[in-house]
Amino acid sequence: MKKLLMLPLALISFLVFAGPIEDEIIARIHQPGAVCLQGQACASSQATSVASTGSESPDAIYKRSCATCHDLGIAGAPALANVEQWAPRLEKGMETLYASGINGLAPGMPARGMCFDCSDDDIRAVVDYMTASVQ
């Protein structure tokens, strides 16, 4: 009988104290410097908000979000101005390239090229910028 009484008591204790403990754990493992998404409150004062104003040039977006992979050829990314690497992609058509930029392309191209604050039009403009370098 004693064991049966202890089980509900342990369960009640867990439920009462688990909330604050869980909050402490979450606060401790929260990534410092996490990026806040536009329109959402930041989780910490160290987080940085990046908001698209629509005034950033395709070249600036490329340098900020695309150059790391496309300049180094990471995961097979075609290099800017490399006609040979872009040729098979251009054959698929611009709509396919736009879709790849917006939705990503497995296994290596992440959606929006990791430019989460970019609109679909921003991504299309960057794709136009990149393809113009080989035409």
N, C-alpha and C. Protein backbone atom coordinates (compact mmCIF):
# COMPACT_ATOMS: atom_id res chain seq x y z
N MET A 1 0.81 -1.19 0.00
CA MET A 1 0.00 0.00 0.00
C MET A 1 0.86 1.26 0.00
N LYS A 2 1.97 1.19 0.71
CA LYS A 2 2.87 2.33 0.79
C LYS A 2 3.41 2.70 -0.60
N LYS A 3 3.75 1.68 -1.41
CA LYS A 3 4.28 1.91 -2.75
C LYS A 3 3.24 2.59 -3.62
N LEU A 4 2.01 2.19 -3.52
CA LEU A 4 0.95 2.80 -4.31
C LEU A 4 0.75 4.26 -3.95
N LEU A 5 0.93 4.59 -2.71
CA LEU A 5 0.80 5.97 -2.26
C LEU A 5 1.97 6.83 -2.74
N MET A 6 3.14 6.25 -2.82
CA MET A 6 4.33 6.99 -3.22
C MET A 6 4.31 7.34 -4.70
N LEU A 7 3.75 6.49 -5.53
CA LEU A 7 3.72 6.75 -6.97
C LEU A 7 2.97 8.03 -7.32
N PRO A 8 1.73 8.23 -6.84
CA PRO A 8 1.05 9.49 -7.14
C PRO A 8 1.78 10.70 -6.57
N LEU A 9 2.39 10.52 -5.40
CA LEU A 9 3.13 11.61 -4.78
C LEU A 9 4.33 12.00 -5.64
N ALA A 10 5.03 11.00 -6.17
CA ALA A 10 6.17 11.26 -7.05
C ALA A 10 5.71 11.94 -8.34
N LEU A 11 4.59 11.49 -8.88
CA LEU A 11 4.05 12.07 -10.10
C LEU A 11 3.64 13.52 -9.88
N ILE A 12 2.99 13.79 -8.78
CA ILE A 12 2.58 15.16 -8.46
C ILE A 12 3.81 16.05 -8.29
N SER A 13 4.82 15.55 -7.61
CA SER A 13 6.06 16.31 -7.43
C SER A 13 6.70 16.62 -8.77
N PHE A 14 6.74 15.64 -9.63
CA PHE A 14 7.33 15.85 -10.95
C PHE A 14 6.58 16.92 -11.72
N LEU A 15 5.26 16.84 -11.72
CA LEU A 15 4.44 17.81 -12.45
C LEU A 15 4.59 19.22 -11.90
N VAL A 16 4.72 19.33 -10.61
CA VAL A 16 4.85 20.64 -9.99
C VAL A 16 6.21 21.26 -10.29
N PHE A 17 7.26 20.45 -10.28
CA PHE A 17 8.60 21.00 -10.42
C PHE A 17 9.17 20.89 -11.83
N ALA A 18 8.59 20.12 -12.70
CA ALA A 18 9.14 19.92 -14.04
C ALA A 18 9.08 21.18 -14.88
N GLY A 19 8.02 21.96 -14.76
CA GLY A 19 7.89 23.17 -15.56
C GLY A 19 9.07 24.12 -15.41
N PRO A 20 9.38 24.54 -14.17
CA PRO A 20 10.52 25.44 -13.98
C PRO A 20 11.84 24.81 -14.39
N ILE A 21 12.02 23.53 -14.14
CA ILE A 21 13.26 22.86 -14.53
C ILE A 21 13.38 22.86 -16.04
N GLU A 22 12.31 22.53 -16.72
CA GLU A 22 12.34 22.51 -18.19
C GLU A 22 12.67 23.90 -18.74
N ASP A 23 12.09 24.94 -18.16
CA ASP A 23 12.37 26.30 -18.60
C ASP A 23 13.84 26.65 -18.42
N GLU A 24 14.42 26.21 -17.29
CA GLU A 24 15.85 26.46 -17.04
C GLU A 24 16.71 25.74 -18.06
N ILE A 25 16.35 24.52 -18.39
CA ILE A 25 17.12 23.75 -19.37
C ILE A 25 17.05 24.42 -20.73
N ILE A 26 15.87 24.80 -21.14
CA ILE A 26 15.70 25.46 -22.44
C ILE A 26 16.50 26.76 -22.48
N ALA A 27 16.46 27.53 -21.42
CA ALA A 27 17.22 28.79 -21.38
C ALA A 27 18.71 28.53 -21.48
N ARG A 28 19.17 27.45 -20.88
CA ARG A 28 20.59 27.13 -20.89
C ARG A 28 21.07 26.65 -22.25
N ILE A 29 20.25 25.93 -22.98
CA ILE A 29 20.70 25.37 -24.25
C ILE A 29 20.32 26.23 -25.45
N HIS A 30 19.66 27.36 -25.22
CA HIS A 30 19.31 28.26 -26.31
C HIS A 30 20.58 28.73 -26.99
N GLN A 31 20.62 28.68 -28.32
CA GLN A 31 21.82 29.06 -29.05
C GLN A 31 22.07 30.56 -28.93
N PRO A 32 23.23 30.95 -28.45
CA PRO A 32 23.57 32.37 -28.43
C PRO A 32 23.71 32.88 -29.85
N GLY A 33 23.26 34.08 -30.09
CA GLY A 33 23.39 34.69 -31.41
C GLY A 33 22.40 34.17 -32.42
N ALA A 34 21.35 33.50 -31.96
CA ALA A 34 20.34 33.00 -32.89
C ALA A 34 19.71 34.18 -33.63
N VAL A 35 19.38 33.96 -34.86
CA VAL A 35 18.79 35.01 -35.68
C VAL A 35 17.29 35.08 -35.45
N CYS A 36 16.78 36.26 -35.24
CA CYS A 36 15.34 36.46 -35.08
C CYS A 36 14.73 36.62 -36.47
N LEU A 37 13.60 36.03 -36.66
CA LEU A 37 12.91 36.18 -37.93
C LEU A 37 12.08 37.46 -37.90
N GLN A 38 11.94 38.07 -39.06
CA GLN A 38 11.18 39.30 -39.16
C GLN A 38 9.78 39.09 -38.62
N GLY A 39 9.34 40.00 -37.76
CA GLY A 39 8.00 39.92 -37.20
C GLY A 39 7.90 39.11 -35.93
N GLN A 40 9.01 38.51 -35.49
CA GLN A 40 9.00 37.73 -34.26
C GLN A 40 9.91 38.38 -33.23
N ALA A 41 9.53 38.26 -31.97
CA ALA A 41 10.36 38.80 -30.90
C ALA A 41 11.59 37.92 -30.74
N CYS A 42 12.70 38.53 -30.42
CA CYS A 42 13.94 37.78 -30.21
C CYS A 42 13.89 37.08 -28.86
N ALA A 43 14.49 35.92 -28.78
CA ALA A 43 14.50 35.16 -27.54
C ALA A 43 15.52 35.70 -26.55
N SER A 44 16.53 36.38 -27.04
CA SER A 44 17.51 36.96 -26.12
C SER A 44 18.00 38.28 -26.68
N SER A 45 18.62 39.05 -25.82
CA SER A 45 19.11 40.36 -26.25
C SER A 45 20.31 40.23 -27.17
N GLN A 46 20.97 39.06 -27.18
CA GLN A 46 22.13 38.87 -28.04
C GLN A 46 21.73 38.53 -29.47
N ALA A 47 20.51 38.10 -29.70
CA ALA A 47 20.08 37.71 -31.03
C ALA A 47 20.01 38.92 -31.94
N THR A 48 20.23 38.67 -33.21
CA THR A 48 20.26 39.74 -34.18
C THR A 48 19.11 39.59 -35.15
N SER A 49 18.42 40.66 -35.44
CA SER A 49 17.32 40.62 -36.38
C SER A 49 17.81 41.06 -37.75
N VAL A 50 17.48 40.28 -38.76
CA VAL A 50 17.83 40.62 -40.12
C VAL A 50 16.53 40.75 -40.89
N ALA A 51 16.23 41.92 -41.35
CA ALA A 51 14.97 42.15 -42.05
C ALA A 51 15.25 42.65 -43.45
N SER A 52 14.57 42.07 -44.40
CA SER A 52 14.74 42.51 -45.78
C SER A 52 13.96 43.79 -46.01
N THR A 53 14.64 44.76 -46.57
CA THR A 53 13.97 46.02 -46.86
C THR A 53 13.55 46.08 -48.31
N GLY A 54 13.95 45.07 -49.08
CA GLY A 54 13.63 45.07 -50.50
C GLY A 54 14.57 45.96 -51.28
N SER A 55 15.50 46.62 -50.60
CA SER A 55 16.41 47.52 -51.28
C SER A 55 17.81 46.93 -51.45
N GLU A 56 18.00 45.71 -50.96
CA GLU A 56 19.31 45.08 -51.09
C GLU A 56 19.50 44.57 -52.51
N SER A 57 20.63 44.85 -53.09
CA SER A 57 20.88 44.47 -54.48
C SER A 57 21.11 42.96 -54.58
N PRO A 58 20.86 42.39 -55.75
CA PRO A 58 21.15 40.95 -55.94
C PRO A 58 22.62 40.63 -55.66
N ASP A 59 23.52 41.54 -56.01
CA ASP A 59 24.94 41.32 -55.75
C ASP A 59 25.19 41.23 -54.24
N ALA A 60 24.57 42.12 -53.47
CA ALA A 60 24.74 42.11 -52.02
C ALA A 60 24.16 40.83 -51.40
N ILE A 61 22.99 40.42 -51.89
CA ILE A 61 22.39 39.17 -51.38
C ILE A 61 23.29 38.00 -51.74
N TYR A 62 23.80 37.98 -52.97
CA TYR A 62 24.71 36.91 -53.39
C TYR A 62 25.91 36.84 -52.45
N LYS A 63 26.52 37.97 -52.18
CA LYS A 63 27.71 37.99 -51.32
C LYS A 63 27.39 37.55 -49.90
N ARG A 64 26.20 37.91 -49.42
CA ARG A 64 25.81 37.59 -48.05
C ARG A 64 25.38 36.13 -47.89
N SER A 65 24.65 35.60 -48.86
CA SER A 65 24.03 34.28 -48.66
C SER A 65 24.47 33.19 -49.63
N CYS A 66 24.97 33.55 -50.78
CA CYS A 66 25.22 32.54 -51.81
C CYS A 66 26.69 32.27 -52.07
N ALA A 67 27.53 33.28 -51.87
CA ALA A 67 28.93 33.19 -52.27
C ALA A 67 29.69 32.07 -51.57
N THR A 68 29.36 31.79 -50.33
CA THR A 68 30.10 30.76 -49.61
C THR A 68 30.10 29.45 -50.38
N CYS A 69 28.95 29.03 -50.85
CA CYS A 69 28.88 27.76 -51.60
C CYS A 69 29.26 27.94 -53.06
N HIS A 70 28.74 29.00 -53.68
CA HIS A 70 28.95 29.15 -55.12
C HIS A 70 30.37 29.60 -55.48
N ASP A 71 31.06 30.28 -54.60
CA ASP A 71 32.45 30.63 -54.89
C ASP A 71 33.40 29.46 -54.68
N LEU A 72 33.04 28.56 -53.78
CA LEU A 72 33.90 27.43 -53.45
C LEU A 72 33.46 26.11 -54.08
N GLY A 73 32.28 26.11 -54.70
CA GLY A 73 31.77 24.89 -55.32
C GLY A 73 31.32 23.85 -54.31
N ILE A 74 30.91 24.29 -53.14
CA ILE A 74 30.47 23.36 -52.09
C ILE A 74 29.22 22.62 -52.55
N ALA A 75 29.21 21.32 -52.33
CA ALA A 75 28.08 20.44 -52.68
C ALA A 75 27.71 20.55 -54.16
N GLY A 76 28.69 20.82 -55.00
CA GLY A 76 28.45 20.88 -56.43
C GLY A 76 27.81 22.17 -56.93
N ALA A 77 27.82 23.22 -56.09
CA ALA A 77 27.24 24.50 -56.50
C ALA A 77 28.03 25.07 -57.68
N PRO A 78 27.34 25.49 -58.73
CA PRO A 78 28.06 26.06 -59.88
C PRO A 78 28.65 27.42 -59.53
N ALA A 79 29.89 27.62 -59.90
CA ALA A 79 30.59 28.87 -59.58
C ALA A 79 30.05 30.01 -60.44
N LEU A 80 30.00 31.17 -59.83
CA LEU A 80 29.59 32.37 -60.55
C LEU A 80 30.53 32.56 -61.74
N ALA A 81 29.95 32.82 -62.90
CA ALA A 81 30.68 33.09 -64.16
C ALA A 81 31.35 31.86 -64.78
N ASN A 82 31.06 30.67 -64.28
CA ASN A 82 31.63 29.46 -64.87
C ASN A 82 30.62 28.89 -65.87
N VAL A 83 30.84 29.20 -67.13
CA VAL A 83 29.91 28.83 -68.20
C VAL A 83 29.70 27.32 -68.26
N GLU A 84 30.78 26.56 -68.14
CA GLU A 84 30.69 25.10 -68.22
C GLU A 84 29.80 24.52 -67.12
N GLN A 85 29.93 25.02 -65.91
CA GLN A 85 29.13 24.49 -64.81
C GLN A 85 27.66 24.90 -64.90
N TRP A 86 27.41 26.08 -65.48
CA TRP A 86 26.04 26.58 -65.56
C TRP A 86 25.27 26.03 -66.77
N ALA A 87 25.96 25.60 -67.80
CA ALA A 87 25.31 25.18 -69.05
C ALA A 87 24.20 24.14 -68.83
N PRO A 88 24.45 23.02 -68.13
CA PRO A 88 23.37 22.04 -67.96
C PRO A 88 22.20 22.57 -67.13
N ARG A 89 22.47 23.49 -66.27
CA ARG A 89 21.40 24.06 -65.45
C ARG A 89 20.55 25.02 -66.27
N LEU A 90 21.20 25.80 -67.11
CA LEU A 90 20.47 26.74 -67.96
C LEU A 90 19.56 26.02 -68.96
N GLU A 91 19.98 24.82 -69.38
CA GLU A 91 19.16 24.03 -70.30
C GLU A 91 17.81 23.66 -69.68
N LYS A 92 17.75 23.59 -68.38
CA LYS A 92 16.50 23.24 -67.69
C LYS A 92 15.50 24.40 -67.68
N GLY A 93 15.98 25.61 -67.94
CA GLY A 93 15.10 26.77 -67.99
C GLY A 93 15.12 27.58 -66.71
N MET A 94 14.76 28.85 -66.87
CA MET A 94 14.81 29.78 -65.74
C MET A 94 13.79 29.42 -64.65
N GLU A 95 12.61 28.96 -65.02
CA GLU A 95 11.61 28.61 -64.00
C GLU A 95 12.12 27.51 -63.08
N THR A 96 12.84 26.55 -63.65
CA THR A 96 13.43 25.47 -62.84
C THR A 96 14.50 26.03 -61.92
N LEU A 97 15.32 26.95 -62.43
CA LEU A 97 16.35 27.57 -61.60
C LEU A 97 15.74 28.40 -60.48
N TYR A 98 14.69 29.13 -60.80
CA TYR A 98 13.99 29.92 -59.76
C TYR A 98 13.44 28.98 -58.68
N ALA A 99 12.80 27.90 -59.11
CA ALA A 99 12.22 26.95 -58.16
C ALA A 99 13.31 26.33 -57.28
N SER A 100 14.46 26.01 -57.87
CA SER A 100 15.57 25.45 -57.09
C SER A 100 16.06 26.46 -56.06
N GLY A 101 16.15 27.71 -56.45
CA GLY A 101 16.59 28.75 -55.52
C GLY A 101 15.61 28.96 -54.39
N ILE A 102 14.34 28.95 -54.70
CA ILE A 102 13.30 29.20 -53.69
C ILE A 102 13.09 27.98 -52.79
N ASN A 103 12.98 26.80 -53.38
CA ASN A 103 12.63 25.59 -52.63
C ASN A 103 13.82 24.75 -52.20
N GLY A 104 14.98 25.02 -52.77
CA GLY A 104 16.16 24.21 -52.49
C GLY A 104 16.24 23.04 -53.46
N LEU A 105 17.35 22.36 -53.41
CA LEU A 105 17.60 21.25 -54.32
C LEU A 105 18.44 20.22 -53.58
N ALA A 106 17.85 19.06 -53.33
CA ALA A 106 18.57 18.02 -52.59
C ALA A 106 19.71 17.48 -53.44
N PRO A 107 20.80 17.15 -52.85
CA PRO A 107 21.05 17.12 -51.43
C PRO A 107 21.73 18.39 -50.89
N GLY A 108 22.23 19.29 -51.73
CA GLY A 108 23.07 20.35 -51.20
C GLY A 108 22.51 21.75 -51.12
N MET A 109 21.59 22.10 -52.00
CA MET A 109 21.11 23.49 -52.04
C MET A 109 19.96 23.67 -51.05
N PRO A 110 20.19 24.46 -50.00
CA PRO A 110 19.10 24.69 -49.04
C PRO A 110 18.07 25.67 -49.61
N ALA A 111 16.87 25.60 -49.14
CA ALA A 111 15.83 26.53 -49.57
C ALA A 111 16.31 27.95 -49.37
N ARG A 112 16.08 28.77 -50.37
CA ARG A 112 16.44 30.19 -50.35
C ARG A 112 17.93 30.42 -50.16
N GLY A 113 18.73 29.37 -50.35
CA GLY A 113 20.17 29.52 -50.18
C GLY A 113 20.52 30.04 -48.79
N MET A 114 19.69 29.73 -47.82
CA MET A 114 19.85 30.16 -46.43
C MET A 114 19.57 31.66 -46.25
N CYS A 115 18.98 32.29 -47.23
CA CYS A 115 18.59 33.71 -47.10
C CYS A 115 17.12 33.75 -46.70
N PHE A 116 16.85 33.51 -45.43
CA PHE A 116 15.49 33.36 -44.96
C PHE A 116 14.69 34.65 -44.96
N ASP A 117 15.38 35.78 -45.04
CA ASP A 117 14.66 37.05 -45.10
C ASP A 117 14.43 37.51 -46.54
N CYS A 118 14.87 36.71 -47.51
CA CYS A 118 14.69 37.06 -48.92
C CYS A 118 13.29 36.64 -49.40
N SER A 119 12.69 37.51 -50.17
CA SER A 119 11.40 37.18 -50.78
C SER A 119 11.66 36.32 -52.02
N ASP A 120 10.59 35.78 -52.58
CA ASP A 120 10.72 35.03 -53.83
C ASP A 120 11.32 35.92 -54.92
N ASP A 121 10.90 37.17 -54.96
CA ASP A 121 11.45 38.10 -55.96
C ASP A 121 12.94 38.35 -55.75
N ASP A 122 13.37 38.42 -54.48
CA ASP A 122 14.80 38.57 -54.19
C ASP A 122 15.57 37.37 -54.73
N ILE A 123 15.05 36.17 -54.51
CA ILE A 123 15.72 34.95 -54.97
C ILE A 123 15.78 34.94 -56.49
N ARG A 124 14.67 35.30 -57.15
CA ARG A 124 14.67 35.36 -58.62
C ARG A 124 15.71 36.36 -59.12
N ALA A 125 15.82 37.49 -58.45
CA ALA A 125 16.80 38.52 -58.86
C ALA A 125 18.23 37.99 -58.70
N VAL A 126 18.49 37.23 -57.64
CA VAL A 126 19.83 36.66 -57.45
C VAL A 126 20.11 35.60 -58.51
N VAL A 127 19.11 34.79 -58.83
CA VAL A 127 19.28 33.79 -59.89
C VAL A 127 19.56 34.50 -61.21
N ASP A 128 18.84 35.57 -61.50
CA ASP A 128 19.10 36.35 -62.72
C ASP A 128 20.52 36.90 -62.71
N TYR A 129 20.95 37.41 -61.57
CA TYR A 129 22.31 37.96 -61.41
C TYR A 129 23.35 36.87 -61.71
N MET A 130 23.13 35.70 -61.15
CA MET A 130 24.11 34.61 -61.33
C MET A 130 24.12 34.11 -62.77
N THR A 131 22.95 33.96 -63.37
CA THR A 131 22.91 33.44 -64.74
C THR A 131 23.41 34.50 -65.74
N ALA A 132 23.24 35.77 -65.41
CA ALA A 132 23.75 36.82 -66.30
C ALA A 132 25.28 36.77 -66.39
N SER A 133 25.92 36.22 -65.36
CA SER A 133 27.37 36.15 -65.35
C SER A 133 27.91 35.13 -66.36
N VAL A 134 27.04 34.28 -66.89
CA VAL A 134 27.50 33.26 -67.84
C VAL A 134 26.89 33.43 -69.23
N GLN A 135 26.18 34.51 -69.44
CA GLN A 135 25.54 34.70 -70.76
C GLN A 135 26.24 35.80 -71.54
